[in-house]
């Protein structure tokens, strides 16, 4: 094992004239890669040495989106403090929130929230993450979303609320949670 950290190695390369903003064939920068790996020391070093939080790779992914995909909350918060922002459309944000809620993926919901996503953002059908959490019987997700201010009264394009979904699926604990939130 080398006595040098990755950040030390990068500093050494910089000393030899390496361009810390160079891109690979996918237009990914060292910051993209460090964010996807969650290496906070390297992320800090790169940011202090001129790396841009706004660079997009050939797939339109930013370092922030890489950190979200890997659920690196500390990196997400650092990038936000350095001016990073979500570059997704409202529909894309809604779809990601709904997908995370349907799978019961609390970490992803927290990642999106840390990145500045409005947890009430609906998907293209007007459903919110609370609709999907209620439908799939994810009690902890429902509690988290309600505590985060997602409305139990929101209606999708068909006029269906999260409570309607929970009742239809016979998810009694979710029904109780949503009814108590409606009061």
N, C-alpha and C. Protein backbone atom coordinates (compact mmCIF):
# COMPACT_ATOMS: atom_id res chain seq x y z
N UNK A 1 0.85 -1.19 0.00
CA UNK A 1 0.00 0.00 0.00
C UNK A 1 0.89 1.24 0.00
N UNK A 2 0.57 2.14 -0.87
CA UNK A 2 1.35 3.37 -1.01
C UNK A 2 1.09 4.30 0.17
N UNK A 3 2.14 4.99 0.65
CA UNK A 3 1.94 5.94 1.74
C UNK A 3 1.23 7.22 1.29
N UNK A 4 1.05 7.38 0.00
CA UNK A 4 0.42 8.58 -0.53
C UNK A 4 -1.06 8.34 -0.79
N UNK A 5 -1.88 9.33 -0.44
CA UNK A 5 -3.30 9.24 -0.76
C UNK A 5 -3.50 9.59 -2.22
N UNK A 6 -4.68 9.32 -2.71
CA UNK A 6 -5.01 9.67 -4.10
C UNK A 6 -4.87 11.17 -4.30
N UNK A 7 -5.30 11.96 -3.31
CA UNK A 7 -5.17 13.42 -3.42
C UNK A 7 -3.70 13.82 -3.51
N UNK A 8 -2.84 13.13 -2.76
CA UNK A 8 -1.40 13.42 -2.83
C UNK A 8 -0.85 13.09 -4.21
N UNK A 9 -1.30 11.98 -4.77
CA UNK A 9 -0.84 11.60 -6.11
C UNK A 9 -1.29 12.62 -7.16
N UNK A 10 -2.51 13.10 -7.01
CA UNK A 10 -3.02 14.11 -7.95
C UNK A 10 -2.23 15.41 -7.80
N UNK A 11 -1.90 15.77 -6.56
CA UNK A 11 -1.09 16.97 -6.33
C UNK A 11 0.28 16.81 -6.97
N UNK A 12 0.84 15.62 -6.88
CA UNK A 12 2.14 15.36 -7.51
C UNK A 12 2.04 15.49 -9.03
N UNK A 13 0.99 14.92 -9.61
CA UNK A 13 0.78 15.03 -11.05
C UNK A 13 0.61 16.49 -11.47
N UNK A 14 -0.12 17.26 -10.67
CA UNK A 14 -0.30 18.68 -10.96
C UNK A 14 1.06 19.39 -10.95
N UNK A 15 1.91 18.99 -10.01
CA UNK A 15 3.24 19.57 -9.94
C UNK A 15 4.06 19.31 -11.19
N UNK A 16 3.76 18.21 -11.87
CA UNK A 16 4.45 17.89 -13.12
C UNK A 16 3.76 18.52 -14.33
N UNK A 17 2.70 19.31 -14.07
CA UNK A 17 2.04 20.02 -15.15
C UNK A 17 0.77 19.39 -15.67
N UNK A 18 0.24 18.38 -14.97
CA UNK A 18 -1.00 17.74 -15.42
C UNK A 18 -2.16 18.73 -15.39
N UNK A 19 -3.02 18.64 -16.38
CA UNK A 19 -4.22 19.48 -16.47
C UNK A 19 -5.34 18.77 -15.71
N UNK A 20 -5.74 19.31 -14.56
CA UNK A 20 -6.75 18.68 -13.73
C UNK A 20 -8.16 18.87 -14.26
N UNK A 21 -8.29 19.59 -15.37
CA UNK A 21 -9.61 19.76 -16.00
C UNK A 21 -9.69 19.02 -17.33
N UNK A 22 -8.67 18.22 -17.62
CA UNK A 22 -8.67 17.44 -18.87
C UNK A 22 -9.83 16.46 -18.87
N UNK A 23 -10.27 16.08 -20.07
CA UNK A 23 -11.38 15.13 -20.19
C UNK A 23 -10.93 13.87 -20.91
N UNK A 24 -11.66 12.78 -20.63
CA UNK A 24 -11.40 11.54 -21.36
C UNK A 24 -12.28 11.50 -22.61
N UNK A 25 -12.35 10.35 -23.26
CA UNK A 25 -13.10 10.25 -24.52
C UNK A 25 -14.61 10.48 -24.33
N UNK A 26 -15.10 10.33 -23.11
CA UNK A 26 -16.51 10.60 -22.81
C UNK A 26 -16.72 12.00 -22.24
N UNK A 27 -15.67 12.82 -22.32
CA UNK A 27 -15.69 14.19 -21.81
C UNK A 27 -15.88 14.25 -20.29
N UNK A 28 -15.47 13.16 -19.62
CA UNK A 28 -15.53 13.12 -18.16
C UNK A 28 -14.23 13.69 -17.60
N UNK A 29 -14.38 14.53 -16.59
CA UNK A 29 -13.22 15.14 -15.95
C UNK A 29 -12.84 14.33 -14.71
N UNK A 30 -11.67 14.60 -14.15
CA UNK A 30 -11.33 13.96 -12.87
C UNK A 30 -12.39 14.22 -11.80
N UNK A 31 -13.03 15.41 -11.84
CA UNK A 31 -14.07 15.71 -10.85
C UNK A 31 -15.27 14.78 -11.02
N UNK A 32 -15.68 14.51 -12.26
CA UNK A 32 -16.77 13.55 -12.49
C UNK A 32 -16.45 12.22 -11.81
N UNK A 33 -15.26 11.74 -12.05
CA UNK A 33 -14.88 10.42 -11.56
C UNK A 33 -14.77 10.42 -10.03
N UNK A 34 -14.15 11.45 -9.47
CA UNK A 34 -14.03 11.53 -8.01
C UNK A 34 -15.41 11.61 -7.35
N UNK A 35 -16.34 12.32 -7.97
CA UNK A 35 -17.70 12.43 -7.42
C UNK A 35 -18.43 11.10 -7.49
N UNK A 36 -18.26 10.38 -8.59
CA UNK A 36 -18.94 9.09 -8.70
C UNK A 36 -18.37 8.07 -7.72
N UNK A 37 -17.08 8.22 -7.38
CA UNK A 37 -16.45 7.32 -6.41
C UNK A 37 -16.65 7.79 -4.97
N UNK A 38 -17.08 9.03 -4.79
CA UNK A 38 -17.31 9.55 -3.45
C UNK A 38 -16.04 9.90 -2.70
N UNK A 39 -14.97 10.18 -3.43
CA UNK A 39 -13.69 10.50 -2.79
C UNK A 39 -13.67 11.99 -2.43
N UNK A 40 -14.12 12.31 -1.23
CA UNK A 40 -14.30 13.70 -0.81
C UNK A 40 -12.98 14.46 -0.79
N UNK A 41 -11.88 13.81 -0.41
CA UNK A 41 -10.59 14.51 -0.38
C UNK A 41 -10.17 14.94 -1.78
N UNK A 42 -10.34 14.06 -2.74
CA UNK A 42 -9.97 14.39 -4.12
C UNK A 42 -10.92 15.45 -4.67
N UNK A 43 -12.21 15.32 -4.36
CA UNK A 43 -13.18 16.32 -4.82
C UNK A 43 -12.79 17.70 -4.29
N UNK A 44 -12.47 17.79 -3.00
CA UNK A 44 -12.06 19.08 -2.41
C UNK A 44 -10.81 19.61 -3.11
N UNK A 45 -9.83 18.74 -3.31
CA UNK A 45 -8.58 19.17 -3.95
C UNK A 45 -8.84 19.71 -5.35
N UNK A 46 -9.64 18.97 -6.12
CA UNK A 46 -9.93 19.39 -7.49
C UNK A 46 -10.67 20.73 -7.51
N UNK A 47 -11.63 20.89 -6.62
CA UNK A 47 -12.39 22.15 -6.57
C UNK A 47 -11.49 23.32 -6.18
N UNK A 48 -10.58 23.08 -5.25
CA UNK A 48 -9.65 24.13 -4.84
C UNK A 48 -8.65 24.48 -5.93
N UNK A 49 -8.51 23.58 -6.91
CA UNK A 49 -7.54 23.79 -7.98
C UNK A 49 -8.19 24.02 -9.34
N UNK A 50 -9.40 24.59 -9.32
CA UNK A 50 -10.01 25.07 -10.55
C UNK A 50 -10.98 24.18 -11.28
N UNK A 51 -11.29 23.01 -10.73
CA UNK A 51 -12.26 22.14 -11.41
C UNK A 51 -13.64 22.80 -11.38
N UNK A 52 -14.36 22.69 -12.48
CA UNK A 52 -15.69 23.30 -12.59
C UNK A 52 -16.78 22.30 -12.22
N UNK A 53 -17.70 22.74 -11.38
CA UNK A 53 -18.84 21.90 -11.01
C UNK A 53 -19.87 21.83 -12.13
N UNK A 54 -19.70 22.66 -13.16
CA UNK A 54 -20.70 22.77 -14.23
C UNK A 54 -20.36 21.96 -15.48
N UNK A 55 -19.21 21.32 -15.52
CA UNK A 55 -18.81 20.56 -16.72
C UNK A 55 -19.77 19.40 -16.96
N UNK A 56 -20.16 19.22 -18.22
CA UNK A 56 -21.01 18.09 -18.60
C UNK A 56 -20.21 17.14 -19.47
N UNK A 57 -20.44 15.84 -19.23
CA UNK A 57 -19.79 14.85 -20.09
C UNK A 57 -20.64 14.65 -21.35
N UNK A 58 -20.26 13.70 -22.18
CA UNK A 58 -21.00 13.54 -23.45
C UNK A 58 -22.41 13.01 -23.26
N UNK A 59 -22.73 12.57 -22.03
CA UNK A 59 -24.08 12.10 -21.72
C UNK A 59 -24.88 13.16 -20.97
N UNK A 60 -24.35 14.39 -20.95
CA UNK A 60 -24.97 15.52 -20.24
C UNK A 60 -24.99 15.35 -18.72
N UNK A 61 -24.09 14.53 -18.20
CA UNK A 61 -24.00 14.32 -16.77
C UNK A 61 -23.01 15.30 -16.15
N UNK A 62 -23.38 15.89 -15.05
CA UNK A 62 -22.50 16.78 -14.30
C UNK A 62 -21.90 16.00 -13.13
N UNK A 63 -20.87 16.54 -12.50
CA UNK A 63 -20.34 15.89 -11.30
C UNK A 63 -21.43 15.70 -10.23
N UNK A 64 -22.35 16.66 -10.10
CA UNK A 64 -23.43 16.53 -9.13
C UNK A 64 -24.31 15.32 -9.44
N UNK A 65 -24.65 15.13 -10.70
CA UNK A 65 -25.47 13.97 -11.07
C UNK A 65 -24.73 12.67 -10.80
N UNK A 66 -23.41 12.66 -11.01
CA UNK A 66 -22.61 11.47 -10.68
C UNK A 66 -22.66 11.18 -9.19
N UNK A 67 -22.56 12.22 -8.37
CA UNK A 67 -22.61 12.03 -6.91
C UNK A 67 -23.99 11.54 -6.48
N UNK A 68 -25.04 12.04 -7.13
CA UNK A 68 -26.40 11.60 -6.81
C UNK A 68 -26.57 10.12 -7.15
N UNK A 69 -26.12 9.73 -8.34
CA UNK A 69 -26.27 8.33 -8.78
C UNK A 69 -25.57 7.35 -7.85
N UNK A 70 -24.54 7.83 -7.17
CA UNK A 70 -23.79 6.97 -6.25
C UNK A 70 -24.15 7.25 -4.79
N UNK A 71 -25.09 8.15 -4.56
CA UNK A 71 -25.58 8.48 -3.22
C UNK A 71 -24.47 8.90 -2.26
N UNK A 72 -23.60 9.78 -2.73
CA UNK A 72 -22.52 10.31 -1.89
C UNK A 72 -22.96 11.67 -1.33
N UNK A 73 -23.66 11.64 -0.20
CA UNK A 73 -24.29 12.84 0.36
C UNK A 73 -23.28 13.93 0.71
N UNK A 74 -22.14 13.57 1.26
CA UNK A 74 -21.14 14.57 1.63
C UNK A 74 -20.63 15.30 0.39
N UNK A 75 -20.41 14.54 -0.68
CA UNK A 75 -19.95 15.14 -1.94
C UNK A 75 -21.03 16.04 -2.52
N UNK A 76 -22.27 15.59 -2.48
CA UNK A 76 -23.40 16.39 -2.99
C UNK A 76 -23.45 17.74 -2.27
N UNK A 77 -23.35 17.71 -0.96
CA UNK A 77 -23.43 18.95 -0.18
C UNK A 77 -22.26 19.88 -0.50
N UNK A 78 -21.07 19.32 -0.68
CA UNK A 78 -19.91 20.14 -1.03
C UNK A 78 -20.10 20.78 -2.41
N UNK A 79 -20.55 20.00 -3.37
CA UNK A 79 -20.78 20.54 -4.72
C UNK A 79 -21.82 21.66 -4.69
N UNK A 80 -22.88 21.48 -3.92
CA UNK A 80 -23.91 22.52 -3.80
C UNK A 80 -23.31 23.80 -3.22
N UNK A 81 -22.46 23.66 -2.19
CA UNK A 81 -21.83 24.84 -1.59
C UNK A 81 -20.93 25.55 -2.60
N UNK A 82 -20.44 24.81 -3.58
CA UNK A 82 -19.55 25.39 -4.60
C UNK A 82 -20.32 25.85 -5.84
N UNK A 83 -21.64 25.87 -5.78
CA UNK A 83 -22.44 26.42 -6.87
C UNK A 83 -23.07 25.42 -7.81
N UNK A 84 -22.91 24.13 -7.56
CA UNK A 84 -23.55 23.14 -8.43
C UNK A 84 -25.06 23.18 -8.24
N UNK A 85 -25.78 22.87 -9.31
CA UNK A 85 -27.24 22.81 -9.24
C UNK A 85 -27.74 21.71 -10.17
N UNK A 86 -28.94 21.25 -9.89
CA UNK A 86 -29.53 20.21 -10.73
C UNK A 86 -29.77 20.75 -12.13
N UNK A 87 -29.40 19.97 -13.12
CA UNK A 87 -29.58 20.37 -14.51
C UNK A 87 -30.68 19.57 -15.19
N UNK A 88 -31.39 18.77 -14.41
CA UNK A 88 -32.48 17.97 -14.95
C UNK A 88 -33.73 18.82 -15.14
N UNK A 89 -34.59 18.42 -16.07
CA UNK A 89 -35.88 19.09 -16.23
C UNK A 89 -36.78 18.70 -15.06
N UNK A 90 -37.82 19.48 -14.80
CA UNK A 90 -38.76 19.10 -13.73
C UNK A 90 -39.32 17.68 -13.93
N UNK A 91 -39.65 17.31 -15.17
CA UNK A 91 -40.16 15.95 -15.41
C UNK A 91 -39.12 14.89 -15.08
N UNK A 92 -37.85 15.15 -15.43
CA UNK A 92 -36.79 14.19 -15.12
C UNK A 92 -36.62 14.04 -13.61
N UNK A 93 -36.69 15.16 -12.90
CA UNK A 93 -36.58 15.10 -11.44
C UNK A 93 -37.76 14.30 -10.87
N UNK A 94 -38.97 14.60 -11.34
CA UNK A 94 -40.15 13.86 -10.88
C UNK A 94 -40.03 12.38 -11.13
N UNK A 95 -39.54 12.01 -12.31
CA UNK A 95 -39.37 10.59 -12.64
C UNK A 95 -38.34 9.92 -11.73
N UNK A 96 -37.23 10.62 -11.47
CA UNK A 96 -36.22 10.04 -10.58
C UNK A 96 -36.75 9.88 -9.16
N UNK A 97 -37.49 10.88 -8.68
CA UNK A 97 -38.08 10.78 -7.35
C UNK A 97 -39.07 9.62 -7.27
N UNK A 98 -39.92 9.51 -8.28
CA UNK A 98 -40.92 8.43 -8.29
C UNK A 98 -40.27 7.06 -8.38
N UNK A 99 -39.22 6.94 -9.18
CA UNK A 99 -38.50 5.67 -9.30
C UNK A 99 -37.90 5.29 -7.95
N UNK A 100 -37.25 6.24 -7.30
CA UNK A 100 -36.64 5.97 -6.00
C UNK A 100 -37.70 5.55 -4.97
N UNK A 101 -38.82 6.26 -4.96
CA UNK A 101 -39.89 5.94 -4.00
C UNK A 101 -40.49 4.57 -4.29
N UNK A 102 -40.67 4.23 -5.56
CA UNK A 102 -41.27 2.94 -5.89
C UNK A 102 -40.38 1.78 -5.48
N UNK A 103 -39.06 1.98 -5.51
CA UNK A 103 -38.13 0.93 -5.09
C UNK A 103 -37.80 1.00 -3.60
N UNK A 104 -38.33 1.98 -2.90
CA UNK A 104 -38.02 2.13 -1.48
C UNK A 104 -36.60 2.59 -1.24
N UNK A 105 -36.06 3.35 -2.18
CA UNK A 105 -34.66 3.79 -2.12
C UNK A 105 -34.54 5.12 -1.36
N UNK A 106 -34.45 5.00 -0.05
CA UNK A 106 -34.36 6.19 0.81
C UNK A 106 -33.10 7.00 0.51
N UNK A 107 -31.97 6.32 0.32
CA UNK A 107 -30.72 7.04 0.05
C UNK A 107 -30.84 7.92 -1.18
N UNK A 108 -31.48 7.42 -2.23
CA UNK A 108 -31.60 8.22 -3.45
C UNK A 108 -32.51 9.43 -3.23
N UNK A 109 -33.60 9.23 -2.50
CA UNK A 109 -34.47 10.36 -2.19
C UNK A 109 -33.71 11.42 -1.40
N UNK A 110 -32.91 10.97 -0.44
CA UNK A 110 -32.11 11.91 0.36
C UNK A 110 -31.05 12.59 -0.51
N UNK A 111 -30.48 11.85 -1.46
CA UNK A 111 -29.49 12.44 -2.37
C UNK A 111 -30.13 13.54 -3.21
N UNK A 112 -31.28 13.25 -3.77
CA UNK A 112 -31.97 14.23 -4.60
C UNK A 112 -32.39 15.45 -3.77
N UNK A 113 -32.83 15.21 -2.55
CA UNK A 113 -33.20 16.31 -1.66
C UNK A 113 -31.97 17.17 -1.35
N UNK A 114 -30.84 16.53 -1.03
CA UNK A 114 -29.61 17.27 -0.73
C UNK A 114 -29.15 18.09 -1.93
N UNK A 115 -29.44 17.59 -3.13
CA UNK A 115 -29.05 18.29 -4.36
C UNK A 115 -29.99 19.44 -4.70
N UNK A 116 -31.07 19.57 -3.94
CA UNK A 116 -31.98 20.68 -4.16
C UNK A 116 -33.29 20.33 -4.85
N UNK A 117 -33.55 19.04 -5.05
CA UNK A 117 -34.80 18.65 -5.69
C UNK A 117 -35.98 18.91 -4.76
N UNK A 118 -37.07 19.37 -5.34
CA UNK A 118 -38.32 19.53 -4.61
C UNK A 118 -38.98 18.16 -4.58
N UNK A 119 -39.09 17.56 -3.39
CA UNK A 119 -39.62 16.20 -3.28
C UNK A 119 -41.08 16.10 -3.69
N UNK A 120 -41.75 17.22 -3.87
CA UNK A 120 -43.15 17.24 -4.33
C UNK A 120 -43.26 17.28 -5.85
N UNK A 121 -42.14 17.33 -6.54
CA UNK A 121 -42.15 17.43 -8.01
C UNK A 121 -42.83 16.19 -8.62
N UNK A 122 -43.89 16.38 -9.39
CA UNK A 122 -44.55 15.22 -10.01
C UNK A 122 -43.82 14.74 -11.25
N UNK A 123 -44.13 13.50 -11.62
CA UNK A 123 -43.63 12.98 -12.89
C UNK A 123 -44.59 13.40 -14.01
N UNK A 124 -44.40 12.87 -15.18
CA UNK A 124 -45.19 13.28 -16.34
C UNK A 124 -46.69 12.96 -16.19
N UNK A 125 -47.02 11.97 -15.33
CA UNK A 125 -48.43 11.62 -15.12
C UNK A 125 -49.04 12.36 -13.93
N UNK A 126 -48.26 13.27 -13.34
CA UNK A 126 -48.76 14.04 -12.22
C UNK A 126 -48.60 13.35 -10.87
N UNK A 127 -48.01 12.16 -10.88
CA UNK A 127 -47.80 11.45 -9.62
C UNK A 127 -46.55 11.97 -8.92
N UNK A 128 -46.64 12.02 -7.60
CA UNK A 128 -45.48 12.40 -6.80
C UNK A 128 -44.83 11.14 -6.23
N UNK A 129 -43.69 11.35 -5.62
CA UNK A 129 -43.00 10.23 -4.97
C UNK A 129 -43.89 9.62 -3.89
N UNK A 130 -44.75 10.43 -3.28
CA UNK A 130 -45.66 9.91 -2.25
C UNK A 130 -46.69 8.96 -2.85
N UNK A 131 -47.17 9.24 -4.05
CA UNK A 131 -48.07 8.31 -4.73
C UNK A 131 -47.41 6.94 -4.86
N UNK A 132 -46.16 6.93 -5.33
CA UNK A 132 -45.47 5.67 -5.59
C UNK A 132 -45.11 4.94 -4.30
N UNK A 133 -44.70 5.68 -3.28
CA UNK A 133 -44.38 5.06 -2.00
C UNK A 133 -45.63 4.43 -1.40
N UNK A 134 -46.77 5.11 -1.53
CA UNK A 134 -48.04 4.57 -1.02
C UNK A 134 -48.45 3.33 -1.81
N UNK A 135 -48.31 3.39 -3.12
CA UNK A 135 -48.69 2.26 -3.97
C UNK A 135 -47.87 1.00 -3.65
N UNK A 136 -46.58 1.20 -3.37
CA UNK A 136 -45.67 0.06 -3.16
C UNK A 136 -45.47 -0.28 -1.68
N UNK A 137 -46.26 0.35 -0.81
CA UNK A 137 -46.27 0.01 0.61
C UNK A 137 -44.93 0.24 1.31
N UNK A 138 -44.29 1.35 0.99
CA UNK A 138 -43.01 1.69 1.62
C UNK A 138 -43.27 2.68 2.75
N UNK A 139 -43.55 2.13 3.92
CA UNK A 139 -43.97 2.94 5.07
C UNK A 139 -42.92 3.98 5.48
N UNK A 140 -41.65 3.58 5.54
CA UNK A 140 -40.61 4.53 5.95
C UNK A 140 -40.45 5.66 4.94
N UNK A 141 -40.62 5.34 3.68
CA UNK A 141 -40.54 6.37 2.63
C UNK A 141 -41.71 7.34 2.78
N UNK A 142 -42.90 6.80 3.02
CA UNK A 142 -44.08 7.66 3.22
C UNK A 142 -43.85 8.60 4.39
N UNK A 143 -43.34 8.07 5.51
CA UNK A 143 -43.07 8.91 6.69
C UNK A 143 -42.06 10.01 6.34
N UNK A 144 -41.00 9.64 5.65
CA UNK A 144 -39.96 10.60 5.26
C UNK A 144 -40.54 11.70 4.36
N UNK A 145 -41.32 11.30 3.37
CA UNK A 145 -41.88 12.28 2.43
C UNK A 145 -42.87 13.22 3.12
N UNK A 146 -43.70 12.67 3.99
CA UNK A 146 -44.64 13.52 4.72
C UNK A 146 -43.88 14.49 5.63
N UNK A 147 -42.84 14.00 6.30
CA UNK A 147 -42.02 14.86 7.17
C UNK A 147 -41.29 15.93 6.36
N UNK A 148 -41.03 15.63 5.09
CA UNK A 148 -40.34 16.58 4.21
C UNK A 148 -41.29 17.55 3.52
N UNK A 149 -42.57 17.45 3.83
CA UNK A 149 -43.53 18.41 3.32
C UNK A 149 -44.26 18.04 2.04
N UNK A 150 -44.11 16.79 1.59
CA UNK A 150 -44.85 16.37 0.40
C UNK A 150 -46.32 16.23 0.79
N UNK A 151 -47.20 16.82 0.02
CA UNK A 151 -48.62 16.86 0.35
C UNK A 151 -49.30 15.52 0.13
N UNK A 152 -50.03 15.10 1.15
CA UNK A 152 -50.84 13.89 1.03
C UNK A 152 -52.07 14.13 0.16
N UNK A 153 -52.35 15.39 -0.15
CA UNK A 153 -53.54 15.75 -0.92
C UNK A 153 -53.28 15.91 -2.41
N UNK A 154 -52.04 15.74 -2.83
CA UNK A 154 -51.73 15.94 -4.26
C UNK A 154 -52.47 14.92 -5.11
N UNK A 155 -52.91 15.38 -6.27
CA UNK A 155 -53.65 14.52 -7.21
C UNK A 155 -52.86 14.39 -8.49
N UNK A 156 -52.87 13.17 -9.05
CA UNK A 156 -52.23 12.99 -10.36
C UNK A 156 -53.19 13.45 -11.45
N UNK A 157 -52.82 13.24 -12.70
CA UNK A 157 -53.65 13.72 -13.81
C UNK A 157 -55.03 13.08 -13.87
N UNK A 158 -55.19 11.93 -13.21
CA UNK A 158 -56.49 11.25 -13.16
C UNK A 158 -57.28 11.63 -11.90
N UNK A 159 -56.72 12.53 -11.09
CA UNK A 159 -57.40 12.96 -9.87
C UNK A 159 -57.20 12.02 -8.69
N UNK A 160 -56.23 11.13 -8.79
CA UNK A 160 -55.99 10.13 -7.74
C UNK A 160 -54.95 10.65 -6.75
N UNK A 161 -55.24 10.48 -5.47
CA UNK A 161 -54.32 10.91 -4.41
C UNK A 161 -53.50 9.71 -3.91
N UNK A 162 -52.44 9.96 -3.16
CA UNK A 162 -51.70 8.85 -2.54
C UNK A 162 -52.61 8.00 -1.65
N UNK A 163 -53.53 8.63 -0.93
CA UNK A 163 -54.47 7.88 -0.09
C UNK A 163 -55.33 6.95 -0.93
N UNK A 164 -55.83 7.44 -2.07
CA UNK A 164 -56.63 6.59 -2.96
C UNK A 164 -55.83 5.34 -3.35
N UNK A 165 -54.57 5.52 -3.66
CA UNK A 165 -53.73 4.38 -4.07
C UNK A 165 -53.54 3.40 -2.92
N UNK A 166 -53.24 3.92 -1.74
CA UNK A 166 -53.02 3.04 -0.59
C UNK A 166 -54.30 2.27 -0.25
N UNK A 167 -55.44 2.93 -0.34
CA UNK A 167 -56.71 2.25 -0.06
C UNK A 167 -56.97 1.16 -1.09
N UNK A 168 -56.74 1.45 -2.35
CA UNK A 168 -56.97 0.47 -3.41
C UNK A 168 -56.08 -0.76 -3.24
N UNK A 169 -54.85 -0.54 -2.75
CA UNK A 169 -53.90 -1.64 -2.58
C UNK A 169 -54.03 -2.31 -1.21
N UNK A 170 -54.96 -1.83 -0.38
CA UNK A 170 -55.16 -2.36 0.97
C UNK A 170 -53.91 -2.27 1.85
N UNK A 171 -53.20 -1.17 1.74
CA UNK A 171 -52.02 -0.93 2.58
C UNK A 171 -52.48 -0.15 3.82
N UNK A 172 -52.97 -0.88 4.82
CA UNK A 172 -53.65 -0.25 5.96
C UNK A 172 -52.76 0.71 6.75
N UNK A 173 -51.50 0.38 6.94
CA UNK A 173 -50.61 1.28 7.70
C UNK A 173 -50.37 2.58 6.94
N UNK A 174 -50.22 2.46 5.64
CA UNK A 174 -50.03 3.66 4.81
C UNK A 174 -51.29 4.52 4.84
N UNK A 175 -52.45 3.87 4.77
CA UNK A 175 -53.73 4.59 4.83
C UNK A 175 -53.80 5.40 6.12
N UNK A 176 -53.43 4.76 7.24
CA UNK A 176 -53.45 5.46 8.54
C UNK A 176 -52.53 6.68 8.52
N UNK A 177 -51.33 6.49 8.01
CA UNK A 177 -50.37 7.60 7.94
C UNK A 177 -50.92 8.76 7.11
N UNK A 178 -51.46 8.43 5.95
CA UNK A 178 -51.95 9.47 5.05
C UNK A 178 -53.19 10.17 5.61
N UNK A 179 -54.06 9.41 6.26
CA UNK A 179 -55.25 10.03 6.86
C UNK A 179 -54.86 10.96 7.99
N UNK A 180 -53.87 10.56 8.77
CA UNK A 180 -53.45 11.44 9.87
C UNK A 180 -52.75 12.69 9.33
N UNK A 181 -52.10 12.56 8.19
CA UNK A 181 -51.43 13.72 7.58
C UNK A 181 -52.43 14.68 6.96
N UNK A 182 -53.57 14.17 6.57
CA UNK A 182 -54.59 15.02 5.92
C UNK A 182 -55.30 15.91 6.93
N UNK A 183 -55.21 15.60 8.21
CA UNK A 183 -55.94 16.37 9.22
C UNK A 183 -55.27 17.68 9.52
